[in-house]
C-alpha atoms as a PDB file:
ATOM      1  CA  UNK A   1      11.699   1.795  23.490  1.00  0.00           C
ATOM      2  CA  UNK A   2       9.328   0.896  20.973  1.00  0.00           C
ATOM      3  CA  UNK A   3      11.066   0.106  17.852  1.00  0.00           C
ATOM      4  CA  UNK A   4      10.432   2.218  14.607  1.00  0.00           C
ATOM      5  CA  UNK A   5       9.108   0.244  11.375  1.00  0.00           C
ATOM      6  CA  UNK A   6       8.056   0.904   8.048  1.00  0.00           C
ATOM      7  CA  UNK A   7       5.456  -1.256   6.073  1.00  0.00           C
ATOM      8  CA  UNK A   8       7.026  -2.575   2.815  1.00  0.00           C
ATOM      9  CA  UNK A   9       4.286  -4.105   0.152  1.00  0.00           C
ATOM     10  CA  UNK A  10       5.839  -6.128  -2.809  1.00  0.00           C
ATOM     11  CA  UNK A  11       4.010  -5.224  -5.981  1.00  0.00           C
ATOM     12  CA  UNK A  12       4.681  -4.621  -9.664  1.00  0.00           C
ATOM     13  CA  UNK A  13       3.894  -1.259  -9.928  1.00  0.00           C
ATOM     14  CA  UNK A  14       5.116   0.977  -7.476  1.00  0.00           C
ATOM     15  CA  UNK A  15       3.857   4.375  -8.184  1.00  0.00           C
ATOM     16  CA  UNK A  16       0.568   2.825  -9.113  1.00  0.00           C
ATOM     17  CA  UNK A  17       0.349   1.370  -5.440  1.00  0.00           C
ATOM     18  CA  UNK A  18       1.910   4.342  -3.691  1.00  0.00           C
ATOM     19  CA  UNK A  19      -0.977   6.822  -5.190  1.00  0.00           C
ATOM     20  CA  UNK A  20      -3.721   4.770  -4.220  1.00  0.00           C
ATOM     21  CA  UNK A  21      -2.494   3.854  -0.746  1.00  0.00           C
ATOM     22  CA  UNK A  22      -2.022   7.413  -0.439  1.00  0.00           C
ATOM     23  CA  UNK A  23      -5.682   8.429  -1.391  1.00  0.00           C
ATOM     24  CA  UNK A  24      -7.087   5.549   0.776  1.00  0.00           C
ATOM     25  CA  UNK A  25      -5.073   6.629   3.982  1.00  0.00           C
ATOM     26  CA  UNK A  26      -4.648  10.455   3.429  1.00  0.00           C
ATOM     27  CA  UNK A  27      -0.839   9.893   3.167  1.00  0.00           C
ATOM     28  CA  UNK A  28       1.205  11.990   0.951  1.00  0.00           C
ATOM     29  CA  UNK A  29       3.852  10.797  -1.768  1.00  0.00           C
ATOM     30  CA  UNK A  30       7.375  10.820   0.261  1.00  0.00           C
ATOM     31  CA  UNK A  31       9.386  13.638  -1.437  1.00  0.00           C
ATOM     32  CA  UNK A  32      12.986  12.906  -2.529  1.00  0.00           C
ATOM     33  CA  UNK A  33      15.559  13.369   0.420  1.00  0.00           C
ATOM     34  CA  UNK A  34      16.775  16.736   1.176  1.00  0.00           C
ATOM     35  CA  UNK A  35      19.685  17.762  -1.418  1.00  0.00           C
ATOM     36  CA  UNK A  36      17.972  15.704  -4.183  1.00  0.00           C
ATOM     37  CA  UNK A  37      15.474  17.003  -7.024  1.00  0.00           C
ATOM     38  CA  UNK A  38      14.419  13.338  -7.586  1.00  0.00           C
ATOM     39  CA  UNK A  39      14.034   9.737  -6.044  1.00  0.00           C
ATOM     40  CA  UNK A  40      16.309   8.886  -9.170  1.00  0.00           C
ATOM     41  CA  UNK A  41      18.935  11.293  -8.321  1.00  0.00           C
ATOM     42  CA  UNK A  42      19.131   9.807  -4.818  1.00  0.00           C
ATOM     43  CA  UNK A  43      18.958   6.103  -6.166  1.00  0.00           C
ATOM     44  CA  UNK A  44      22.020   7.066  -8.370  1.00  0.00           C
ATOM     45  CA  UNK A  45      23.957   8.434  -5.707  1.00  0.00           C
ATOM     46  CA  UNK A  46      23.832   5.308  -3.835  1.00  0.00           C
ATOM     47  CA  UNK A  47      25.284   3.724  -6.919  1.00  0.00           C
ATOM     48  CA  UNK A  48      21.735   1.573  -8.020  1.00  0.00           C
ATOM     49  CA  UNK A  49      22.041   0.187 -11.437  1.00  0.00           C
ATOM     50  CA  UNK A  50      19.778   2.146 -14.386  1.00  0.00           C
ATOM     51  CA  UNK A  51      17.229  -0.964 -13.498  1.00  0.00           C
ATOM     52  CA  UNK A  52      16.413   0.436 -10.286  1.00  0.00           C
ATOM     53  CA  UNK A  53      15.660   3.986 -11.936  1.00  0.00           C
ATOM     54  CA  UNK A  54      12.198   5.234 -13.198  1.00  0.00           C
ATOM     55  CA  UNK A  55      10.160   3.740 -10.682  1.00  0.00           C
ATOM     56  CA  UNK A  56       8.602   7.003  -9.888  1.00  0.00           C
ATOM     57  CA  UNK A  57       7.125   7.567  -6.446  1.00  0.00           C
ATOM     58  CA  UNK A  58       7.329   4.293  -4.381  1.00  0.00           C
ATOM     59  CA  UNK A  59       6.717   5.512  -0.998  1.00  0.00           C
ATOM     60  CA  UNK A  60       4.378   7.465   1.303  1.00  0.00           C
ATOM     61  CA  UNK A  61       4.297   8.979   4.586  1.00  0.00           C
ATOM     62  CA  UNK A  62       1.766  10.125   6.814  1.00  0.00           C
ATOM     63  CA  UNK A  63       1.697  14.164   6.844  1.00  0.00           C
ATOM     64  CA  UNK A  64       0.950  14.242  10.653  1.00  0.00           C
ATOM     65  CA  UNK A  65       4.014  12.040  11.448  1.00  0.00           C
ATOM     66  CA  UNK A  66       1.829   9.244  13.285  1.00  0.00           C
ATOM     67  CA  UNK A  67       1.680   6.352  10.819  1.00  0.00           C
ATOM     68  CA  UNK A  68       4.528   4.433   9.424  1.00  0.00           C
ATOM     69  CA  UNK A  69       6.226   5.156   6.319  1.00  0.00           C
ATOM     70  CA  UNK A  70       4.913   2.462   3.557  1.00  0.00           C
ATOM     71  CA  UNK A  71       7.400   1.454   0.621  1.00  0.00           C
ATOM     72  CA  UNK A  72       5.928  -0.063  -2.400  1.00  0.00           C
ATOM     73  CA  UNK A  73       8.822  -2.269  -3.515  1.00  0.00           C
ATOM     74  CA  UNK A  74       8.572  -3.198  -7.267  1.00  0.00           C
ATOM     75  CA  UNK A  75       9.364  -7.061  -7.615  1.00  0.00           C
ATOM     76  CA  UNK A  76       8.687  -8.804 -11.081  1.00  0.00           C
ATOM     77  CA  UNK A  77       6.444 -11.847  -9.798  1.00  0.00           C
ATOM     78  CA  UNK A  78       2.815 -11.371  -9.407  1.00  0.00           C
ATOM     79  CA  UNK A  79       0.644 -11.711  -6.172  1.00  0.00           C
ATOM     80  CA  UNK A  80      -0.298 -15.509  -6.060  1.00  0.00           C
ATOM     81  CA  UNK A  81      -1.878 -16.333  -2.758  1.00  0.00           C
ATOM     82  CA  UNK A  82      -3.917 -14.570   0.213  1.00  0.00           C
ATOM     83  CA  UNK A  83      -2.071 -12.322   1.902  1.00  0.00           C
ATOM     84  CA  UNK A  84      -0.905 -13.199   5.582  1.00  0.00           C
ATOM     85  CA  UNK A  85      -1.326  -9.674   7.004  1.00  0.00           C
ATOM     86  CA  UNK A  86      -3.415  -7.396   5.691  1.00  0.00           C
ATOM     87  CA  UNK A  87      -4.741  -3.550   6.591  1.00  0.00           C
ATOM     88  CA  UNK A  88      -8.120  -2.731   8.324  1.00  0.00           C
ATOM     89  CA  UNK A  89      -9.212   0.765   7.315  1.00  0.00           C
ATOM     90  CA  UNK A  90     -11.564   2.231   9.950  1.00  0.00           C
ATOM     91  CA  UNK A  91     -13.734   5.038   8.887  1.00  0.00           C
ATOM     92  CA  UNK A  92     -17.131   3.599  10.901  1.00  0.00           C
ATOM     93  CA  UNK A  93     -16.631   5.827  14.096  1.00  0.00           C
ATOM     94  CA  UNK A  94     -16.531   2.836  16.205  1.00  0.00           C
ATOM     95  CA  UNK A  95     -19.528   1.046  18.419  1.00  0.00           C
ATOM     96  CA  UNK A  96     -20.682   4.102  19.658  1.00  0.00           C
ATOM     97  CA  UNK A  97     -21.894   5.391  16.701  1.00  0.00           C
ATOM     98  CA  UNK A  98     -25.289   3.587  15.323  1.00  0.00           C
ATOM     99  CA  UNK A  99     -24.688   0.466  13.555  1.00  0.00           C
ATOM    100  CA  UNK A 100     -27.068   2.191  10.395  1.00  0.00           C
ATOM    101  CA  UNK A 101     -24.276   4.877  10.179  1.00  0.00           C
ATOM    102  CA  UNK A 102     -21.766   2.875  10.401  1.00  0.00           C
ATOM    103  CA  UNK A 103     -22.687   0.782   7.623  1.00  0.00           C
ATOM    104  CA  UNK A 104     -23.178   4.154   5.588  1.00  0.00           C
ATOM    105  CA  UNK A 105     -19.822   5.325   6.300  1.00  0.00           C
ATOM    106  CA  UNK A 106     -18.073   1.880   5.324  1.00  0.00           C
ATOM    107  CA  UNK A 107     -19.960   1.477   2.406  1.00  0.00           C
ATOM    108  CA  UNK A 108     -19.141   5.412   0.966  1.00  0.00           C
ATOM    109  CA  UNK A 109     -15.522   4.304   1.870  1.00  0.00           C
ATOM    110  CA  UNK A 110     -15.847   1.189  -0.343  1.00  0.00           C
ATOM    111  CA  UNK A 111     -17.238   2.962  -3.174  1.00  0.00           C
ATOM    112  CA  UNK A 112     -14.379   5.851  -2.771  1.00  0.00           C
ATOM    113  CA  UNK A 113     -12.136   3.389  -2.999  1.00  0.00           C
ATOM    114  CA  UNK A 114     -13.582   1.393  -5.820  1.00  0.00           C
ATOM    115  CA  UNK A 115     -13.492   4.540  -7.741  1.00  0.00           C
ATOM    116  CA  UNK A 116      -9.550   4.701  -7.024  1.00  0.00           C
ATOM    117  CA  UNK A 117      -8.790   1.231  -8.397  1.00  0.00           C
ATOM    118  CA  UNK A 118      -9.984  -1.009  -5.685  1.00  0.00           C
ATOM    119  CA  UNK A 119     -12.144  -4.044  -6.342  1.00  0.00           C
ATOM    120  CA  UNK A 120     -15.124  -4.564  -3.523  1.00  0.00           C
ATOM    121  CA  UNK A 121     -15.131  -8.504  -2.372  1.00  0.00           C
ATOM    122  CA  UNK A 122     -18.039  -8.182  -0.158  1.00  0.00           C
ATOM    123  CA  UNK A 123     -19.777  -7.341   3.016  1.00  0.00           C
ATOM    124  CA  UNK A 124     -18.270  -8.816   6.079  1.00  0.00           C
ATOM    125  CA  UNK A 125     -21.477  -8.829   8.545  1.00  0.00           C
ATOM    126  CA  UNK A 126     -23.399 -11.641   9.942  1.00  0.00           C
ATOM    127  CA  UNK A 127     -27.118 -11.309  11.270  1.00  0.00           C
ATOM    128  CA  UNK A 128     -27.303 -10.287  15.006  1.00  0.00           C
ATOM    129  CA  UNK A 129     -24.168  -9.003  15.360  1.00  0.00           C
ATOM    130  CA  UNK A 130     -23.232  -5.339  16.044  1.00  0.00           C
ATOM    131  CA  UNK A 131     -19.985  -5.108  13.445  1.00  0.00           C
ATOM    132  CA  UNK A 132     -19.902  -4.450   9.661  1.00  0.00           C
ATOM    133  CA  UNK A 133     -17.105  -4.196   7.506  1.00  0.00           C
ATOM    134  CA  UNK A 134     -16.203  -4.671   3.803  1.00  0.00           C
ATOM    135  CA  UNK A 135     -13.741  -6.859   2.266  1.00  0.00           C
ATOM    136  CA  UNK A 136     -11.636  -5.136  -0.674  1.00  0.00           C
ATOM    137  CA  UNK A 137      -8.654  -5.803  -2.911  1.00  0.00           C
ATOM    138  CA  UNK A 138      -6.161  -3.101  -3.770  1.00  0.00           C
ATOM    139  CA  UNK A 139      -5.265  -2.629  -7.508  1.00  0.00           C
ATOM    140  CA  UNK A 140      -2.592  -5.218  -7.501  1.00  0.00           C
ATOM    141  CA  UNK A 141      -5.101  -7.860  -5.546  1.00  0.00           C
ATOM    142  CA  UNK A 142      -3.797  -7.504  -1.891  1.00  0.00           C
ATOM    143  CA  UNK A 143      -6.710  -7.789   0.546  1.00  0.00           C
ATOM    144  CA  UNK A 144      -7.988  -4.981   2.936  1.00  0.00           C
ATOM    145  CA  UNK A 145     -10.767  -4.220   4.899  1.00  0.00           C
ATOM    146  CA  UNK A 146     -12.988  -1.173   5.608  1.00  0.00           C
ATOM    147  CA  UNK A 147     -14.565  -1.052   9.091  1.00  0.00           C
END
């Protein structure tokens, strides 16, 4: 049996990152557990200290239930080095789609995510390859690619 998992991303501003990645991936902010009006109510019920309250939305879920839950863990330290793991966001349609169309789709998604706070680091292509992607950074500098 396959193990269930969630993806955890350390960050400084959990709500900002949750909102960005929800919009980027077509996810939604995860509602508080049943019986709780807010995540802070749930955290209080667990016995967490006040320092763990007021984070706002810090997790997102796939509304179709297919993708993993993503939790944005607030930490005080800033990102210092390149990610050892990154997300690839596939929007091109794959190799059955003409390269020019794939390029248009990837560039359009890069523009959309730049409008949400991401930074474009450049095209990832090479002459003669039937492949195109764009390197990006999320609002806190975590690397990801669009292909």
